[in-house]
N, C-alpha and C. Protein backbone atom coordinates (compact mmCIF):
# COMPACT_ATOMS: atom_id res chain seq x y z
N VAL A 1 80.51 -22.32 60.81
CA VAL A 1 82.17 -22.74 60.53
C VAL A 1 83.20 -23.17 62.18
N GLN A 2 83.48 -23.83 62.55
CA GLN A 2 83.97 -22.70 64.45
C GLN A 2 85.49 -22.74 63.28
N LEU A 3 86.65 -22.63 63.43
CA LEU A 3 87.66 -22.87 63.62
C LEU A 3 88.39 -22.53 64.66
N GLN A 4 90.10 -22.85 64.88
CA GLN A 4 90.95 -23.36 65.67
C GLN A 4 92.04 -23.51 65.29
N ALA A 5 92.98 -22.34 65.55
CA ALA A 5 94.60 -22.46 65.08
C ALA A 5 95.48 -23.35 66.30
N SER A 6 96.22 -23.18 65.23
CA SER A 6 97.27 -23.99 66.33
C SER A 6 98.43 -24.00 65.91
N GLY A 7 99.74 -24.35 66.33
CA GLY A 7 101.15 -24.39 66.10
C GLY A 7 102.31 -22.99 65.84
N GLY A 8 101.33 -22.13 66.62
CA GLY A 8 102.49 -20.92 66.85
C GLY A 8 103.78 -21.32 67.92
N GLY A 9 104.69 -20.32 67.75
CA GLY A 9 105.75 -20.01 69.07
C GLY A 9 106.82 -19.44 68.47
N LEU A 10 107.97 -19.41 68.92
CA LEU A 10 109.11 -18.40 68.75
C LEU A 10 110.31 -19.57 68.30
N VAL A 11 110.79 -19.16 67.20
CA VAL A 11 111.75 -19.49 66.10
C VAL A 11 112.74 -18.74 66.02
N GLN A 12 113.75 -19.38 65.74
CA GLN A 12 114.86 -18.12 65.11
C GLN A 12 114.85 -17.97 63.48
N ALA A 13 115.14 -17.20 63.03
CA ALA A 13 115.24 -16.50 61.75
C ALA A 13 115.91 -18.33 61.04
N GLY A 14 115.04 -18.35 59.81
CA GLY A 14 115.56 -19.41 58.96
C GLY A 14 115.23 -20.74 59.44
N GLY A 15 113.68 -20.79 60.40
CA GLY A 15 114.18 -21.87 60.92
C GLY A 15 112.62 -21.89 60.42
N SER A 16 111.68 -23.18 60.88
CA SER A 16 110.55 -23.19 60.20
C SER A 16 109.44 -23.95 61.23
N LEU A 17 107.88 -23.10 60.96
CA LEU A 17 107.33 -23.87 61.57
C LEU A 17 105.32 -24.89 60.83
N ARG A 18 104.75 -25.26 61.57
CA ARG A 18 103.63 -26.10 60.73
C ARG A 18 102.42 -25.39 61.48
N LEU A 19 101.97 -24.44 60.71
CA LEU A 19 100.04 -24.38 61.60
C LEU A 19 99.54 -24.96 61.09
N SER A 20 98.23 -25.63 61.61
CA SER A 20 96.91 -26.05 61.21
C SER A 20 96.19 -25.34 62.17
N CYS A 21 94.98 -25.16 61.40
CA CYS A 21 93.64 -24.49 61.49
C CYS A 21 92.52 -25.74 61.52
N ALA A 22 92.33 -26.57 63.10
CA ALA A 22 90.95 -27.29 62.58
C ALA A 22 89.27 -26.80 62.58
N ALA A 23 88.50 -27.26 61.70
CA ALA A 23 87.84 -27.09 61.51
C ALA A 23 86.47 -26.84 62.09
N SER A 24 84.74 -26.70 62.53
CA SER A 24 84.33 -27.98 62.58
C SER A 24 83.30 -27.17 61.71
N GLY A 25 82.12 -28.87 61.22
CA GLY A 25 80.96 -28.43 60.60
C GLY A 25 80.54 -29.15 59.64
N ARG A 26 79.98 -29.78 59.24
CA ARG A 26 80.07 -30.88 57.34
C ARG A 26 80.85 -30.07 56.39
N THR A 27 80.29 -28.62 56.03
CA THR A 27 80.08 -27.90 54.97
C THR A 27 82.00 -27.48 54.43
N PHE A 28 82.60 -28.24 55.36
CA PHE A 28 84.02 -27.89 55.43
C PHE A 28 84.54 -27.76 54.27
N SER A 29 84.63 -28.46 53.16
CA SER A 29 85.39 -29.08 52.22
C SER A 29 84.84 -27.73 51.20
N SER A 30 83.50 -27.00 51.22
CA SER A 30 82.76 -26.24 50.06
C SER A 30 83.36 -25.07 50.73
N TYR A 31 84.19 -24.56 51.16
CA TYR A 31 84.90 -23.20 51.63
C TYR A 31 86.19 -23.06 51.28
N ALA A 32 86.27 -22.26 50.98
CA ALA A 32 88.05 -21.92 50.67
C ALA A 32 88.56 -21.46 51.55
N MET A 33 89.74 -21.32 52.86
CA MET A 33 90.58 -21.43 53.51
C MET A 33 92.05 -20.26 53.45
N GLY A 34 91.51 -19.80 54.31
CA GLY A 34 92.63 -18.58 54.26
C GLY A 34 93.56 -18.27 55.46
N TRP A 35 94.70 -18.31 55.33
CA TRP A 35 95.66 -17.19 56.30
C TRP A 35 96.20 -15.75 56.35
N PHE A 36 96.06 -15.56 57.31
CA PHE A 36 96.60 -13.75 57.45
C PHE A 36 97.20 -12.98 59.03
N HIS A 37 97.99 -12.55 58.73
CA HIS A 37 98.65 -12.05 59.31
C HIS A 37 98.75 -10.63 60.06
N GLN A 38 98.55 -10.41 61.41
CA GLN A 38 98.45 -9.30 61.81
C GLN A 38 99.36 -8.52 62.66
N SER A 39 100.44 -7.82 62.79
CA SER A 39 101.36 -7.15 63.91
C SER A 39 101.04 -6.17 64.03
N PRO A 40 100.97 -5.45 65.43
CA PRO A 40 100.54 -4.46 66.12
C PRO A 40 100.61 -3.63 65.41
N GLY A 41 99.08 -2.93 66.02
CA GLY A 41 99.30 -1.30 64.51
C GLY A 41 99.26 -1.22 63.76
N LYS A 42 98.73 -2.44 63.19
CA LYS A 42 98.89 -2.57 61.37
C LYS A 42 97.61 -3.73 60.59
N GLU A 43 97.23 -3.00 59.94
CA GLU A 43 95.91 -3.77 59.41
C GLU A 43 96.43 -5.83 59.26
N ARG A 44 94.97 -6.51 58.93
CA ARG A 44 95.40 -7.76 59.15
C ARG A 44 95.87 -8.00 57.65
N GLU A 45 96.95 -8.91 57.29
CA GLU A 45 97.27 -8.53 56.19
C GLU A 45 96.94 -10.43 55.42
N PHE A 46 96.30 -9.91 54.19
CA PHE A 46 96.77 -12.03 53.12
C PHE A 46 98.16 -12.23 53.65
N VAL A 47 97.92 -14.04 54.07
CA VAL A 47 99.07 -14.14 53.78
C VAL A 47 99.14 -15.57 52.84
N ALA A 48 97.92 -16.34 52.40
CA ALA A 48 97.37 -17.37 51.71
C ALA A 48 95.86 -18.03 51.85
N VAL A 49 95.63 -18.40 50.40
CA VAL A 49 94.41 -18.88 49.95
C VAL A 49 94.70 -19.85 49.52
N ILE A 50 94.21 -21.03 50.29
CA ILE A 50 93.01 -21.89 48.95
C ILE A 50 92.15 -22.83 48.87
N LYS A 51 91.18 -22.61 47.80
CA LYS A 51 90.18 -22.90 47.19
C LYS A 51 89.55 -24.79 47.68
N TRP A 52 88.39 -24.52 47.53
CA TRP A 52 87.62 -26.01 48.24
C TRP A 52 87.95 -27.06 46.77
N GLY A 53 88.59 -28.49 47.70
CA GLY A 53 89.15 -29.51 47.01
C GLY A 53 90.29 -29.21 46.20
N SER A 54 91.19 -27.87 46.35
CA SER A 54 92.63 -28.17 47.11
C SER A 54 93.02 -27.87 45.00
N VAL A 55 91.89 -26.95 44.60
CA VAL A 55 92.36 -27.16 43.22
C VAL A 55 92.87 -25.46 42.99
N GLY A 56 93.06 -24.57 43.85
CA GLY A 56 94.10 -23.52 43.53
C GLY A 56 94.97 -23.11 44.42
N THR A 57 95.81 -22.51 45.06
CA THR A 57 96.38 -21.70 46.09
C THR A 57 97.09 -20.51 45.06
N TYR A 58 97.45 -19.63 46.61
CA TYR A 58 97.42 -18.31 45.95
C TYR A 58 98.65 -17.66 47.50
N TYR A 59 99.53 -17.50 46.79
CA TYR A 59 100.38 -16.37 48.12
C TYR A 59 100.50 -15.11 48.29
N ALA A 60 100.67 -14.19 49.11
CA ALA A 60 101.38 -13.02 49.43
C ALA A 60 102.90 -13.28 48.42
N ASP A 61 103.34 -12.20 47.66
CA ASP A 61 104.40 -12.15 47.30
C ASP A 61 105.58 -12.48 48.68
N SER A 62 105.03 -11.26 49.61
CA SER A 62 105.69 -11.93 50.95
C SER A 62 106.64 -13.07 51.49
N VAL A 63 105.12 -14.29 50.87
CA VAL A 63 106.02 -15.78 51.32
C VAL A 63 105.74 -16.58 50.07
N LYS A 64 105.32 -16.23 49.15
CA LYS A 64 106.15 -17.22 48.15
C LYS A 64 107.48 -17.70 48.14
N GLY A 65 107.70 -18.87 48.10
CA GLY A 65 108.50 -19.74 47.71
C GLY A 65 109.08 -20.35 49.60
N ARG A 66 108.32 -19.98 49.86
CA ARG A 66 108.97 -20.01 50.90
C ARG A 66 107.28 -20.71 52.01
N PHE A 67 106.07 -20.26 52.15
CA PHE A 67 104.88 -20.55 52.98
C PHE A 67 104.20 -21.34 51.16
N THR A 68 103.35 -22.79 52.08
CA THR A 68 103.11 -23.67 51.58
C THR A 68 101.89 -24.04 52.89
N MET A 69 100.46 -23.74 51.71
CA MET A 69 98.92 -24.31 52.79
C MET A 69 98.86 -25.44 52.20
N SER A 70 97.73 -26.36 52.45
CA SER A 70 96.93 -27.35 52.11
C SER A 70 96.35 -27.86 52.59
N ARG A 71 95.54 -28.55 52.82
CA ARG A 71 94.14 -28.50 53.13
C ARG A 71 93.74 -30.13 53.00
N ASP A 72 93.21 -30.92 54.67
CA ASP A 72 92.48 -31.94 54.39
C ASP A 72 91.69 -32.13 54.73
N ASP A 73 90.98 -32.63 53.58
CA ASP A 73 89.23 -31.89 54.11
C ASP A 73 88.79 -33.40 54.79
N ALA A 74 89.18 -35.04 54.65
CA ALA A 74 88.51 -35.55 55.93
C ALA A 74 89.56 -35.36 57.21
N LYS A 75 90.48 -35.01 57.33
CA LYS A 75 90.60 -34.12 58.60
C LYS A 75 89.72 -32.60 59.38
N ASN A 76 88.84 -31.87 57.85
CA ASN A 76 88.58 -30.94 58.58
C ASN A 76 89.42 -29.44 58.73
N THR A 77 90.96 -29.59 58.17
CA THR A 77 91.47 -29.16 58.89
C THR A 77 92.94 -28.58 57.61
N VAL A 78 93.57 -27.36 58.09
CA VAL A 78 93.90 -27.02 56.52
C VAL A 78 95.63 -26.45 57.33
N TYR A 79 96.81 -26.61 56.82
CA TYR A 79 97.65 -26.55 57.08
C TYR A 79 98.50 -25.44 56.39
N LEU A 80 99.54 -24.44 56.86
CA LEU A 80 100.64 -23.69 56.69
C LEU A 80 101.82 -24.17 57.01
N GLN A 81 102.35 -24.89 56.24
CA GLN A 81 103.64 -25.10 56.51
C GLN A 81 104.82 -23.19 56.41
N MET A 82 105.60 -23.23 57.21
CA MET A 82 106.27 -22.04 57.01
C MET A 82 108.48 -22.10 57.52
N ASN A 83 108.33 -21.77 56.24
CA ASN A 83 110.39 -22.09 56.08
C ASN A 83 111.05 -21.09 55.48
N SER A 84 112.13 -21.33 55.82
CA SER A 84 112.90 -19.17 55.86
C SER A 84 112.30 -18.52 56.54
N LEU A 85 112.10 -18.54 57.79
CA LEU A 85 111.04 -17.10 58.00
C LEU A 85 112.15 -16.61 58.19
N LYS A 86 111.46 -15.21 58.55
CA LYS A 86 112.30 -13.67 58.61
C LYS A 86 111.28 -13.32 60.10
N PRO A 87 112.27 -12.42 60.92
CA PRO A 87 111.48 -11.32 61.48
C PRO A 87 110.31 -10.94 61.64
N GLU A 88 110.19 -9.76 59.91
CA GLU A 88 108.89 -9.65 59.68
C GLU A 88 108.28 -10.04 60.15
N ASP A 89 108.01 -11.89 59.42
CA ASP A 89 106.87 -12.99 59.61
C ASP A 89 105.98 -13.08 61.09
N THR A 90 106.85 -12.25 61.95
CA THR A 90 106.05 -12.39 63.42
C THR A 90 105.21 -11.44 63.31
N ALA A 91 103.51 -12.10 63.91
CA ALA A 91 102.55 -11.79 64.12
C ALA A 91 101.51 -13.04 64.13
N VAL A 92 100.93 -12.53 64.95
CA VAL A 92 99.22 -13.00 64.98
C VAL A 92 98.50 -13.79 63.87
N TYR A 93 99.23 -15.01 63.92
CA TYR A 93 98.33 -15.78 62.37
C TYR A 93 96.58 -16.60 62.04
N TYR A 94 96.23 -15.39 61.39
CA TYR A 94 94.83 -16.53 61.54
C TYR A 94 94.38 -17.29 60.22
N CYS A 95 93.62 -18.13 60.22
CA CYS A 95 92.79 -18.58 59.46
C CYS A 95 91.41 -18.20 59.43
N ALA A 96 90.66 -17.95 58.47
CA ALA A 96 90.04 -17.80 58.04
C ALA A 96 88.75 -18.22 57.06
N ALA A 97 87.72 -17.83 56.76
CA ALA A 97 86.51 -19.64 56.07
C ALA A 97 85.71 -18.32 55.16
N ARG A 98 85.34 -19.04 54.23
CA ARG A 98 84.92 -18.16 52.66
C ARG A 98 84.34 -19.04 51.98
N GLN A 99 82.92 -18.66 51.50
CA GLN A 99 82.32 -19.19 50.21
C GLN A 99 82.70 -18.20 49.56
N GLY A 100 82.47 -18.69 48.14
CA GLY A 100 82.98 -17.32 47.33
C GLY A 100 84.85 -17.49 46.68
N PHE A 101 85.45 -17.30 46.17
CA PHE A 101 86.95 -16.42 45.56
C PHE A 101 86.90 -14.92 45.03
N ARG A 102 86.58 -14.09 45.00
CA ARG A 102 86.26 -13.08 44.96
C ARG A 102 87.34 -12.09 46.01
N ASP A 103 88.18 -11.20 45.52
CA ASP A 103 88.78 -10.10 46.43
C ASP A 103 89.82 -11.10 47.47
N ILE A 104 89.98 -12.29 47.08
CA ILE A 104 91.18 -13.27 48.02
C ILE A 104 91.87 -12.80 48.82
N ALA A 105 92.03 -11.58 48.70
CA ALA A 105 93.51 -11.29 49.36
C ALA A 105 92.38 -9.93 50.30
N SER A 106 91.05 -9.84 50.77
CA SER A 106 90.32 -8.62 51.00
C SER A 106 89.65 -9.61 52.32
N ALA A 107 90.17 -9.67 54.15
CA ALA A 107 89.72 -9.56 54.93
C ALA A 107 88.53 -9.75 55.24
N ALA A 108 88.13 -8.46 54.54
CA ALA A 108 86.07 -8.75 54.72
C ALA A 108 85.30 -9.85 53.70
N GLU A 109 86.38 -10.07 53.56
CA GLU A 109 85.40 -11.12 52.75
C GLU A 109 85.61 -12.52 53.34
N TYR A 110 85.53 -12.70 54.55
CA TYR A 110 86.39 -13.67 55.36
C TYR A 110 84.62 -14.01 55.89
N GLU A 111 84.27 -14.95 56.56
CA GLU A 111 83.23 -14.84 56.95
C GLU A 111 83.24 -15.37 58.66
N TYR A 112 84.11 -16.08 58.69
CA TYR A 112 84.61 -17.13 59.73
C TYR A 112 85.79 -17.09 59.78
N TRP A 113 86.33 -16.68 61.59
CA TRP A 113 87.87 -16.82 61.29
C TRP A 113 87.95 -17.61 63.05
N GLY A 114 89.44 -17.96 63.00
CA GLY A 114 90.27 -18.45 64.01
C GLY A 114 90.76 -17.12 65.22
N GLN A 115 90.77 -18.16 66.28
CA GLN A 115 91.60 -17.07 67.14
C GLN A 115 92.79 -16.77 67.37
N GLY A 116 93.52 -17.17 66.65
CA GLY A 116 95.30 -16.71 65.75
C GLY A 116 95.72 -17.58 66.84
N THR A 117 96.93 -17.50 66.31
CA THR A 117 98.50 -17.92 67.09
C THR A 117 99.43 -17.28 66.69
N GLN A 118 100.41 -17.65 67.56
CA GLN A 118 101.60 -15.46 68.37
C GLN A 118 102.77 -17.03 67.31
N VAL A 119 103.18 -15.93 66.24
CA VAL A 119 104.91 -16.22 65.84
C VAL A 119 105.34 -15.55 66.22
N THR A 120 106.66 -15.50 66.30
CA THR A 120 107.84 -14.83 66.63
C THR A 120 108.65 -15.97 66.55
N VAL A 121 109.79 -14.60 65.24
CA VAL A 121 110.94 -15.26 64.55
C VAL A 121 112.20 -14.08 65.27
N SER A 122 112.99 -14.26 65.98
CA SER A 122 114.13 -13.71 66.69
C SER A 122 114.83 -14.05 65.59
N SER A 123 115.62 -12.87 65.80
CA SER A 123 116.90 -12.14 64.74
C SER A 123 118.21 -13.34 64.96
């Protein structure tokens, strides 16, 4: 599975962005897909994950109620709609794919990673 993230940019606090992650590979629909973010000097942190078949979506507490993750298996694409953005959301955002669904917040459990897209939220 190869992943390509896009949609990052510069936005003012309170604004919105939608990230996309396009995947190659015929078995995309069987993978759980996640989003992580990483700020300079920090560990890569879990943001959200969606199971195969969209049967479950889970979020970090810091983004609940503001971010929505979805997937379109016909387009091999997942999305992260980010609303009410805050300066602390500033980071490089990565999409990732995995099989299985244990330890969903652990970056080590994800097998495939995209290249990352920068999100910058100004105050």
